[in-house]
mmCIF file of all heavy atoms, coordinates in Angstrom:
data_MODEL
# 
_entry.id   MODEL 
# 
loop_
_atom_site.group_PDB 
_atom_site.id 
_atom_site.type_symbol 
_atom_site.label_atom_id 
_atom_site.label_alt_id 
_atom_site.label_comp_id 
_atom_site.label_asym_id 
_atom_site.label_entity_id 
_atom_site.label_seq_id 
_atom_site.pdbx_PDB_ins_code 
_atom_site.Cartn_x 
_atom_site.Cartn_y 
_atom_site.Cartn_z 
_atom_site.occupancy 
_atom_site.B_iso_or_equiv 
_atom_site.pdbx_formal_charge 
_atom_site.auth_seq_id 
_atom_site.auth_comp_id 
_atom_site.auth_asym_id 
_atom_site.auth_atom_id 
_atom_site.pdbx_PDB_model_num 
ATOM 1   N N   . SER A 1 1  ? -46.157 26.242 -15.398 1.00 0.00 ? 1  SER A N   1 
ATOM 2   C CA  . SER A 1 1  ? -46.232 25.500 -16.651 1.00 0.00 ? 1  SER A CA  1 
ATOM 3   C C   . SER A 1 1  ? -44.863 25.405 -17.309 1.00 0.00 ? 1  SER A C   1 
ATOM 4   O O   . SER A 1 1  ? -44.149 26.406 -17.419 1.00 0.00 ? 1  SER A O   1 
ATOM 5   C CB  . SER A 1 1  ? -47.203 26.189 -17.618 1.00 0.00 ? 1  SER A CB  1 
ATOM 6   O OG  . SER A 1 1  ? -48.529 26.084 -17.164 1.00 0.00 ? 1  SER A OG  1 
ATOM 7   N N   . ALA A 1 2  ? -44.513 24.196 -17.736 1.00 0.00 ? 2  ALA A N   1 
ATOM 8   C CA  . ALA A 1 2  ? -43.328 23.988 -18.569 1.00 0.00 ? 2  ALA A CA  1 
ATOM 9   C C   . ALA A 1 2  ? -43.847 23.831 -19.998 1.00 0.00 ? 2  ALA A C   1 
ATOM 10  O O   . ALA A 1 2  ? -44.289 22.752 -20.390 1.00 0.00 ? 2  ALA A O   1 
ATOM 11  C CB  . ALA A 1 2  ? -42.566 22.755 -18.111 1.00 0.00 ? 2  ALA A CB  1 
ATOM 12  N N   . SER A 1 3  ? -43.813 24.908 -20.764 1.00 0.00 ? 3  SER A N   1 
ATOM 13  C CA  . SER A 1 3  ? -44.570 24.951 -22.013 1.00 0.00 ? 3  SER A CA  1 
ATOM 14  C C   . SER A 1 3  ? -44.059 23.986 -23.079 1.00 0.00 ? 3  SER A C   1 
ATOM 15  O O   . SER A 1 3  ? -44.835 23.508 -23.904 1.00 0.00 ? 3  SER A O   1 
ATOM 16  C CB  . SER A 1 3  ? -44.613 26.376 -22.565 1.00 0.00 ? 3  SER A CB  1 
ATOM 17  O OG  . SER A 1 3  ? -43.313 26.866 -22.792 1.00 0.00 ? 3  SER A OG  1 
ATOM 18  N N   . THR A 1 4  ? -42.763 23.668 -23.095 1.00 0.00 ? 4  THR A N   1 
ATOM 19  C CA  . THR A 1 4  ? -42.271 22.679 -24.060 1.00 0.00 ? 4  THR A CA  1 
ATOM 20  C C   . THR A 1 4  ? -42.101 21.303 -23.417 1.00 0.00 ? 4  THR A C   1 
ATOM 21  O O   . THR A 1 4  ? -41.855 20.325 -24.127 1.00 0.00 ? 4  THR A O   1 
ATOM 22  C CB  . THR A 1 4  ? -40.926 23.123 -24.671 1.00 0.00 ? 4  THR A CB  1 
ATOM 23  O OG1 . THR A 1 4  ? -39.924 23.142 -23.652 1.00 0.00 ? 4  THR A OG1 1 
ATOM 24  C CG2 . THR A 1 4  ? -41.040 24.494 -25.309 1.00 0.00 ? 4  THR A CG2 1 
ATOM 25  N N   . GLY A 1 5  ? -42.236 21.219 -22.108 1.00 0.00 ? 5  GLY A N   1 
ATOM 26  C CA  . GLY A 1 5  ? -42.135 19.936 -21.411 1.00 0.00 ? 5  GLY A CA  1 
ATOM 27  C C   . GLY A 1 5  ? -43.481 19.260 -21.226 1.00 0.00 ? 5  GLY A C   1 
ATOM 28  O O   . GLY A 1 5  ? -43.552 18.108 -20.793 1.00 0.00 ? 5  GLY A O   1 
ATOM 29  N N   . ASN A 1 6  ? -44.573 20.014 -21.562 1.00 0.00 ? 6  ASN A N   1 
ATOM 30  C CA  . ASN A 1 6  ? -45.935 19.467 -21.481 1.00 0.00 ? 6  ASN A CA  1 
ATOM 31  C C   . ASN A 1 6  ? -46.266 18.921 -20.093 1.00 0.00 ? 6  ASN A C   1 
ATOM 32  O O   . ASN A 1 6  ? -46.875 17.863 -19.948 1.00 0.00 ? 6  ASN A O   1 
ATOM 33  C CB  . ASN A 1 6  ? -46.156 18.377 -22.542 1.00 0.00 ? 6  ASN A CB  1 
ATOM 34  C CG  . ASN A 1 6  ? -45.995 18.916 -23.947 1.00 0.00 ? 6  ASN A CG  1 
ATOM 35  O OD1 . ASN A 1 6  ? -46.198 20.114 -24.192 1.00 0.00 ? 6  ASN A OD1 1 
ATOM 36  N ND2 . ASN A 1 6  ? -45.620 18.053 -24.887 1.00 0.00 ? 6  ASN A ND2 1 
ATOM 37  N N   . VAL A 1 7  ? -45.848 19.665 -19.080 1.00 0.00 ? 7  VAL A N   1 
ATOM 38  C CA  . VAL A 1 7  ? -46.104 19.260 -17.713 1.00 0.00 ? 7  VAL A CA  1 
ATOM 39  C C   . VAL A 1 7  ? -46.240 20.514 -16.850 1.00 0.00 ? 7  VAL A C   1 
ATOM 40  O O   . VAL A 1 7  ? -45.724 21.587 -17.207 1.00 0.00 ? 7  VAL A O   1 
ATOM 41  C CB  . VAL A 1 7  ? -44.956 18.370 -17.186 1.00 0.00 ? 7  VAL A CB  1 
ATOM 42  C CG1 . VAL A 1 7  ? -43.663 19.165 -17.046 1.00 0.00 ? 7  VAL A CG1 1 
ATOM 43  C CG2 . VAL A 1 7  ? -45.317 17.721 -15.860 1.00 0.00 ? 7  VAL A CG2 1 
ATOM 44  N N   . VAL A 1 8  ? -46.968 20.392 -15.733 1.00 0.00 ? 8  VAL A N   1 
ATOM 45  C CA  . VAL A 1 8  ? -47.064 21.470 -14.750 1.00 0.00 ? 8  VAL A CA  1 
ATOM 46  C C   . VAL A 1 8  ? -46.386 20.995 -13.472 1.00 0.00 ? 8  VAL A C   1 
ATOM 47  O O   . VAL A 1 8  ? -46.718 19.942 -12.935 1.00 0.00 ? 8  VAL A O   1 
ATOM 48  C CB  . VAL A 1 8  ? -48.529 21.860 -14.467 1.00 0.00 ? 8  VAL A CB  1 
ATOM 49  C CG1 . VAL A 1 8  ? -48.607 22.871 -13.317 1.00 0.00 ? 8  VAL A CG1 1 
ATOM 50  C CG2 . VAL A 1 8  ? -49.177 22.430 -15.715 1.00 0.00 ? 8  VAL A CG2 1 
ATOM 51  N N   . HIS A 1 9  ? -45.421 21.767 -13.003 1.00 0.00 ? 9  HIS A N   1 
ATOM 52  C CA  . HIS A 1 9  ? -44.713 21.460 -11.760 1.00 0.00 ? 9  HIS A CA  1 
ATOM 53  C C   . HIS A 1 9  ? -45.396 22.180 -10.595 1.00 0.00 ? 9  HIS A C   1 
ATOM 54  O O   . HIS A 1 9  ? -45.800 23.338 -10.728 1.00 0.00 ? 9  HIS A O   1 
ATOM 55  C CB  . HIS A 1 9  ? -43.260 21.942 -11.825 1.00 0.00 ? 9  HIS A CB  1 
ATOM 56  C CG  . HIS A 1 9  ? -42.475 21.385 -12.965 1.00 0.00 ? 9  HIS A CG  1 
ATOM 57  N ND1 . HIS A 1 9  ? -41.880 20.146 -12.926 1.00 0.00 ? 9  HIS A ND1 1 
ATOM 58  C CD2 . HIS A 1 9  ? -42.176 21.913 -14.194 1.00 0.00 ? 9  HIS A CD2 1 
ATOM 59  C CE1 . HIS A 1 9  ? -41.237 19.923 -14.054 1.00 0.00 ? 9  HIS A CE1 1 
ATOM 60  N NE2 . HIS A 1 9  ? -41.396 20.985 -14.844 1.00 0.00 ? 9  HIS A NE2 1 
ATOM 61  N N   . VAL A 1 10 ? -45.495 21.500 -9.476  1.00 0.00 ? 10 VAL A N   1 
ATOM 62  C CA  . VAL A 1 10 ? -46.011 22.121 -8.252  1.00 0.00 ? 10 VAL A CA  1 
ATOM 63  C C   . VAL A 1 10 ? -44.855 22.180 -7.256  1.00 0.00 ? 10 VAL A C   1 
ATOM 64  O O   . VAL A 1 10 ? -44.304 21.146 -6.867  1.00 0.00 ? 10 VAL A O   1 
ATOM 65  C CB  . VAL A 1 10 ? -47.197 21.335 -7.661  1.00 0.00 ? 10 VAL A CB  1 
ATOM 66  C CG1 . VAL A 1 10 ? -47.736 22.052 -6.421  1.00 0.00 ? 10 VAL A CG1 1 
ATOM 67  C CG2 . VAL A 1 10 ? -48.303 21.174 -8.703  1.00 0.00 ? 10 VAL A CG2 1 
ATOM 68  N N   . LEU A 1 11 ? -44.484 23.403 -6.859  1.00 0.00 ? 11 LEU A N   1 
ATOM 69  C CA  . LEU A 1 11 ? -43.291 23.616 -6.047  1.00 0.00 ? 11 LEU A CA  1 
ATOM 70  C C   . LEU A 1 11 ? -43.643 24.159 -4.669  1.00 0.00 ? 11 LEU A C   1 
ATOM 71  O O   . LEU A 1 11 ? -44.629 24.881 -4.507  1.00 0.00 ? 11 LEU A O   1 
ATOM 72  C CB  . LEU A 1 11 ? -42.347 24.614 -6.743  1.00 0.00 ? 11 LEU A CB  1 
ATOM 73  C CG  . LEU A 1 11 ? -42.028 24.367 -8.222  1.00 0.00 ? 11 LEU A CG  1 
ATOM 74  C CD1 . LEU A 1 11 ? -41.127 25.483 -8.740  1.00 0.00 ? 11 LEU A CD1 1 
ATOM 75  C CD2 . LEU A 1 11 ? -41.395 23.008 -8.427  1.00 0.00 ? 11 LEU A CD2 1 
ATOM 76  N N   . ASP A 1 12 ? -42.803 23.835 -3.699  1.00 0.00 ? 12 ASP A N   1 
ATOM 77  C CA  . ASP A 1 12 ? -42.905 24.424 -2.369  1.00 0.00 ? 12 ASP A CA  1 
ATOM 78  C C   . ASP A 1 12 ? -42.376 25.858 -2.435  1.00 0.00 ? 12 ASP A C   1 
ATOM 79  O O   . ASP A 1 12 ? -41.249 26.089 -2.893  1.00 0.00 ? 12 ASP A O   1 
ATOM 80  C CB  . ASP A 1 12 ? -42.098 23.593 -1.368  1.00 0.00 ? 12 ASP A CB  1 
ATOM 81  C CG  . ASP A 1 12 ? -42.222 24.102 0.061   1.00 0.00 ? 12 ASP A CG  1 
ATOM 82  O OD1 . ASP A 1 12 ? -41.638 25.157 0.359   1.00 0.00 ? 12 ASP A OD1 1 
ATOM 83  O OD2 . ASP A 1 12 ? -42.875 23.433 0.863   1.00 0.00 ? 12 ASP A OD2 1 
ATOM 84  N N   . VAL A 1 13 ? -43.171 26.815 -2.006  1.00 0.00 ? 13 VAL A N   1 
ATOM 85  C CA  . VAL A 1 13 ? -42.799 28.226 -2.127  1.00 0.00 ? 13 VAL A CA  1 
ATOM 86  C C   . VAL A 1 13 ? -41.529 28.557 -1.349  1.00 0.00 ? 13 VAL A C   1 
ATOM 87  O O   . VAL A 1 13 ? -40.681 29.331 -1.815  1.00 0.00 ? 13 VAL A O   1 
ATOM 88  C CB  . VAL A 1 13 ? -43.973 29.122 -1.666  1.00 0.00 ? 13 VAL A CB  1 
ATOM 89  C CG1 . VAL A 1 13 ? -43.504 30.553 -1.418  1.00 0.00 ? 13 VAL A CG1 1 
ATOM 90  C CG2 . VAL A 1 13 ? -45.078 29.116 -2.709  1.00 0.00 ? 13 VAL A CG2 1 
ATOM 91  N N   . GLN A 1 14 ? -41.369 27.989 -0.158  1.00 0.00 ? 14 GLN A N   1 
ATOM 92  C CA  . GLN A 1 14 ? -40.246 28.348 0.694   1.00 0.00 ? 14 GLN A CA  1 
ATOM 93  C C   . GLN A 1 14 ? -38.937 27.673 0.297   1.00 0.00 ? 14 GLN A C   1 
ATOM 94  O O   . GLN A 1 14 ? -37.856 28.232 0.495   1.00 0.00 ? 14 GLN A O   1 
ATOM 95  C CB  . GLN A 1 14 ? -40.568 28.022 2.161   1.00 0.00 ? 14 GLN A CB  1 
ATOM 96  C CG  . GLN A 1 14 ? -41.730 28.828 2.725   1.00 0.00 ? 14 GLN A CG  1 
ATOM 97  C CD  . GLN A 1 14 ? -41.448 30.318 2.788   1.00 0.00 ? 14 GLN A CD  1 
ATOM 98  O OE1 . GLN A 1 14 ? -40.297 30.731 2.964   1.00 0.00 ? 14 GLN A OE1 1 
ATOM 99  N NE2 . GLN A 1 14 ? -42.483 31.130 2.644   1.00 0.00 ? 14 GLN A NE2 1 
ATOM 100 N N   . THR A 1 15 ? -39.013 26.466 -0.277  1.00 0.00 ? 15 THR A N   1 
ATOM 101 C CA  . THR A 1 15 ? -37.795 25.707 -0.559  1.00 0.00 ? 15 THR A CA  1 
ATOM 102 C C   . THR A 1 15 ? -37.525 25.489 -2.044  1.00 0.00 ? 15 THR A C   1 
ATOM 103 O O   . THR A 1 15 ? -36.398 25.171 -2.422  1.00 0.00 ? 15 THR A O   1 
ATOM 104 C CB  . THR A 1 15 ? -37.861 24.325 0.115   1.00 0.00 ? 15 THR A CB  1 
ATOM 105 O OG1 . THR A 1 15 ? -38.911 23.549 -0.499  1.00 0.00 ? 15 THR A OG1 1 
ATOM 106 C CG2 . THR A 1 15 ? -38.138 24.458 1.609   1.00 0.00 ? 15 THR A CG2 1 
ATOM 107 N N   . GLY A 1 16 ? -38.555 25.610 -2.900  1.00 0.00 ? 16 GLY A N   1 
ATOM 108 C CA  . GLY A 1 16 ? -38.382 25.342 -4.316  1.00 0.00 ? 16 GLY A CA  1 
ATOM 109 C C   . GLY A 1 16 ? -38.402 23.867 -4.675  1.00 0.00 ? 16 GLY A C   1 
ATOM 110 O O   . GLY A 1 16 ? -38.215 23.509 -5.839  1.00 0.00 ? 16 GLY A O   1 
ATOM 111 N N   . GLU A 1 17 ? -38.643 23.012 -3.700  1.00 0.00 ? 17 GLU A N   1 
ATOM 112 C CA  . GLU A 1 17 ? -38.685 21.576 -3.974  1.00 0.00 ? 17 GLU A CA  1 
ATOM 113 C C   . GLU A 1 17 ? -39.980 21.219 -4.706  1.00 0.00 ? 17 GLU A C   1 
ATOM 114 O O   . GLU A 1 17 ? -41.053 21.761 -4.404  1.00 0.00 ? 17 GLU A O   1 
ATOM 115 C CB  . GLU A 1 17 ? -38.588 20.774 -2.679  1.00 0.00 ? 17 GLU A CB  1 
ATOM 116 C CG  . GLU A 1 17 ? -37.258 20.926 -1.966  1.00 0.00 ? 17 GLU A CG  1 
ATOM 117 C CD  . GLU A 1 17 ? -37.192 20.100 -0.695  1.00 0.00 ? 17 GLU A CD  1 
ATOM 118 O OE1 . GLU A 1 17 ? -38.154 19.343 -0.440  1.00 0.00 ? 17 GLU A OE1 1 
ATOM 119 O OE2 . GLU A 1 17 ? -36.198 20.214 0.040   1.00 0.00 ? 17 GLU A OE2 1 
ATOM 120 N N   . GLU A 1 18 ? -39.877 20.300 -5.671  1.00 0.00 ? 18 GLU A N   1 
ATOM 121 C CA  . GLU A 1 18 ? -41.065 19.836 -6.392  1.00 0.00 ? 18 GLU A CA  1 
ATOM 122 C C   . GLU A 1 18 ? -41.823 18.862 -5.501  1.00 0.00 ? 18 GLU A C   1 
ATOM 123 O O   . GLU A 1 18 ? -41.292 17.827 -5.098  1.00 0.00 ? 18 GLU A O   1 
ATOM 124 C CB  . GLU A 1 18 ? -40.670 19.157 -7.698  1.00 0.00 ? 18 GLU A CB  1 
ATOM 125 C CG  . GLU A 1 18 ? -41.870 18.723 -8.531  1.00 0.00 ? 18 GLU A CG  1 
ATOM 126 C CD  . GLU A 1 18 ? -41.466 18.000 -9.806  1.00 0.00 ? 18 GLU A CD  1 
ATOM 127 O OE1 . GLU A 1 18 ? -40.776 16.961 -9.688  1.00 0.00 ? 18 GLU A OE1 1 
ATOM 128 O OE2 . GLU A 1 18 ? -41.839 18.459 -10.899 1.00 0.00 ? 18 GLU A OE2 1 
ATOM 129 N N   . ILE A 1 19 ? -43.086 19.183 -5.220  1.00 0.00 ? 19 ILE A N   1 
ATOM 130 C CA  . ILE A 1 19 ? -43.890 18.282 -4.398  1.00 0.00 ? 19 ILE A CA  1 
ATOM 131 C C   . ILE A 1 19 ? -44.873 17.487 -5.248  1.00 0.00 ? 19 ILE A C   1 
ATOM 132 O O   . ILE A 1 19 ? -45.540 16.576 -4.743  1.00 0.00 ? 19 ILE A O   1 
ATOM 133 C CB  . ILE A 1 19 ? -44.660 19.065 -3.317  1.00 0.00 ? 19 ILE A CB  1 
ATOM 134 C CG1 . ILE A 1 19 ? -45.659 20.030 -3.963  1.00 0.00 ? 19 ILE A CG1 1 
ATOM 135 C CG2 . ILE A 1 19 ? -43.706 19.809 -2.406  1.00 0.00 ? 19 ILE A CG2 1 
ATOM 136 C CD1 . ILE A 1 19 ? -46.646 20.604 -2.964  1.00 0.00 ? 19 ILE A CD1 1 
ATOM 137 N N   . GLY A 1 20 ? -44.950 17.805 -6.540  1.00 0.00 ? 20 GLY A N   1 
ATOM 138 C CA  . GLY A 1 20 ? -45.830 17.065 -7.441  1.00 0.00 ? 20 GLY A CA  1 
ATOM 139 C C   . GLY A 1 20 ? -45.754 17.630 -8.844  1.00 0.00 ? 20 GLY A C   1 
ATOM 140 O O   . GLY A 1 20 ? -45.164 18.688 -9.072  1.00 0.00 ? 20 GLY A O   1 
ATOM 141 N N   . ARG A 1 21 ? -46.355 16.893 -9.765  1.00 0.00 ? 21 ARG A N   1 
ATOM 142 C CA  . ARG A 1 21 ? -46.448 17.333 -11.154 1.00 0.00 ? 21 ARG A CA  1 
ATOM 143 C C   . ARG A 1 21 ? -47.601 16.592 -11.817 1.00 0.00 ? 21 ARG A C   1 
ATOM 144 O O   . ARG A 1 21 ? -48.026 15.557 -11.332 1.00 0.00 ? 21 ARG A O   1 
ATOM 145 C CB  . ARG A 1 21 ? -45.148 17.074 -11.920 1.00 0.00 ? 21 ARG A CB  1 
ATOM 146 C CG  . ARG A 1 21 ? -44.778 15.589 -12.013 1.00 0.00 ? 21 ARG A CG  1 
ATOM 147 C CD  . ARG A 1 21 ? -43.680 15.325 -13.029 1.00 0.00 ? 21 ARG A CD  1 
ATOM 148 N NE  . ARG A 1 21 ? -42.427 15.982 -12.701 1.00 0.00 ? 21 ARG A NE  1 
ATOM 149 C CZ  . ARG A 1 21 ? -41.433 16.125 -13.578 1.00 0.00 ? 21 ARG A CZ  1 
ATOM 150 N NH1 . ARG A 1 21 ? -41.560 15.656 -14.818 1.00 0.00 ? 21 ARG A NH1 1 
ATOM 151 N NH2 . ARG A 1 21 ? -40.312 16.712 -13.216 1.00 0.00 ? 21 ARG A NH2 1 
ATOM 152 N N   . PHE A 1 22 ? -48.082 17.139 -12.930 1.00 0.00 ? 22 PHE A N   1 
ATOM 153 C CA  . PHE A 1 22 ? -49.109 16.407 -13.692 1.00 0.00 ? 22 PHE A CA  1 
ATOM 154 C C   . PHE A 1 22 ? -48.973 16.764 -15.171 1.00 0.00 ? 22 PHE A C   1 
ATOM 155 O O   . PHE A 1 22 ? -48.587 17.878 -15.516 1.00 0.00 ? 22 PHE A O   1 
ATOM 156 C CB  . PHE A 1 22 ? -50.518 16.717 -13.169 1.00 0.00 ? 22 PHE A CB  1 
ATOM 157 C CG  . PHE A 1 22 ? -50.885 18.183 -13.161 1.00 0.00 ? 22 PHE A CG  1 
ATOM 158 C CD1 . PHE A 1 22 ? -51.434 18.795 -14.289 1.00 0.00 ? 22 PHE A CD1 1 
ATOM 159 C CD2 . PHE A 1 22 ? -50.702 18.948 -12.022 1.00 0.00 ? 22 PHE A CD2 1 
ATOM 160 C CE1 . PHE A 1 22 ? -51.789 20.132 -14.275 1.00 0.00 ? 22 PHE A CE1 1 
ATOM 161 C CE2 . PHE A 1 22 ? -51.060 20.294 -11.994 1.00 0.00 ? 22 PHE A CE2 1 
ATOM 162 C CZ  . PHE A 1 22 ? -51.600 20.880 -13.122 1.00 0.00 ? 22 PHE A CZ  1 
ATOM 163 N N   . PRO A 1 23 ? -49.273 15.810 -16.043 1.00 0.00 ? 23 PRO A N   1 
ATOM 164 C CA  . PRO A 1 23 ? -49.195 16.074 -17.487 1.00 0.00 ? 23 PRO A CA  1 
ATOM 165 C C   . PRO A 1 23 ? -50.294 17.045 -17.893 1.00 0.00 ? 23 PRO A C   1 
ATOM 166 O O   . PRO A 1 23 ? -51.397 17.045 -17.340 1.00 0.00 ? 23 PRO A O   1 
ATOM 167 C CB  . PRO A 1 23 ? -49.394 14.691 -18.108 1.00 0.00 ? 23 PRO A CB  1 
ATOM 168 C CG  . PRO A 1 23 ? -50.140 13.911 -17.079 1.00 0.00 ? 23 PRO A CG  1 
ATOM 169 C CD  . PRO A 1 23 ? -49.674 14.422 -15.753 1.00 0.00 ? 23 PRO A CD  1 
ATOM 170 N N   . SER A 1 24 ? -49.992 17.872 -18.886 1.00 0.00 ? 24 SER A N   1 
ATOM 171 C CA  . SER A 1 24 ? -50.919 18.949 -19.247 1.00 0.00 ? 24 SER A CA  1 
ATOM 172 C C   . SER A 1 24 ? -51.375 18.890 -20.693 1.00 0.00 ? 24 SER A C   1 
ATOM 173 O O   . SER A 1 24 ? -52.251 19.664 -21.088 1.00 0.00 ? 24 SER A O   1 
ATOM 174 C CB  . SER A 1 24 ? -50.239 20.291 -19.002 1.00 0.00 ? 24 SER A CB  1 
ATOM 175 O OG  . SER A 1 24 ? -49.073 20.388 -19.801 1.00 0.00 ? 24 SER A OG  1 
ATOM 176 N N   . GLY A 1 25 ? -50.768 18.017 -21.509 1.00 0.00 ? 25 GLY A N   1 
ATOM 177 C CA  . GLY A 1 25 ? -51.014 18.123 -22.937 1.00 0.00 ? 25 GLY A CA  1 
ATOM 178 C C   . GLY A 1 25 ? -50.088 19.174 -23.533 1.00 0.00 ? 25 GLY A C   1 
ATOM 179 O O   . GLY A 1 25 ? -49.219 19.714 -22.866 1.00 0.00 ? 25 GLY A O   1 
ATOM 180 N N   . ASN A 1 26 ? -50.300 19.471 -24.793 1.00 0.00 ? 26 ASN A N   1 
ATOM 181 C CA  . ASN A 1 26 ? -49.382 20.348 -25.516 1.00 0.00 ? 26 ASN A CA  1 
ATOM 182 C C   . ASN A 1 26 ? -49.398 21.794 -24.982 1.00 0.00 ? 26 ASN A C   1 
ATOM 183 O O   . ASN A 1 26 ? -50.450 22.386 -24.801 1.00 0.00 ? 26 ASN A O   1 
ATOM 184 C CB  . ASN A 1 26 ? -49.728 20.368 -27.006 1.00 0.00 ? 26 ASN A CB  1 
ATOM 185 C CG  . ASN A 1 26 ? -49.405 19.060 -27.686 1.00 0.00 ? 26 ASN A CG  1 
ATOM 186 O OD1 . ASN A 1 26 ? -48.613 18.265 -27.172 1.00 0.00 ? 26 ASN A OD1 1 
ATOM 187 N ND2 . ASN A 1 26 ? -50.033 18.799 -28.831 1.00 0.00 ? 26 ASN A ND2 1 
# 
């Protein structure tokens, strides 16, 4: 969770690359 960015990042565990994200609300 990015608590002030109002988004959840989904990362690859081995590389740290963002493979997706979705808006979360406040």
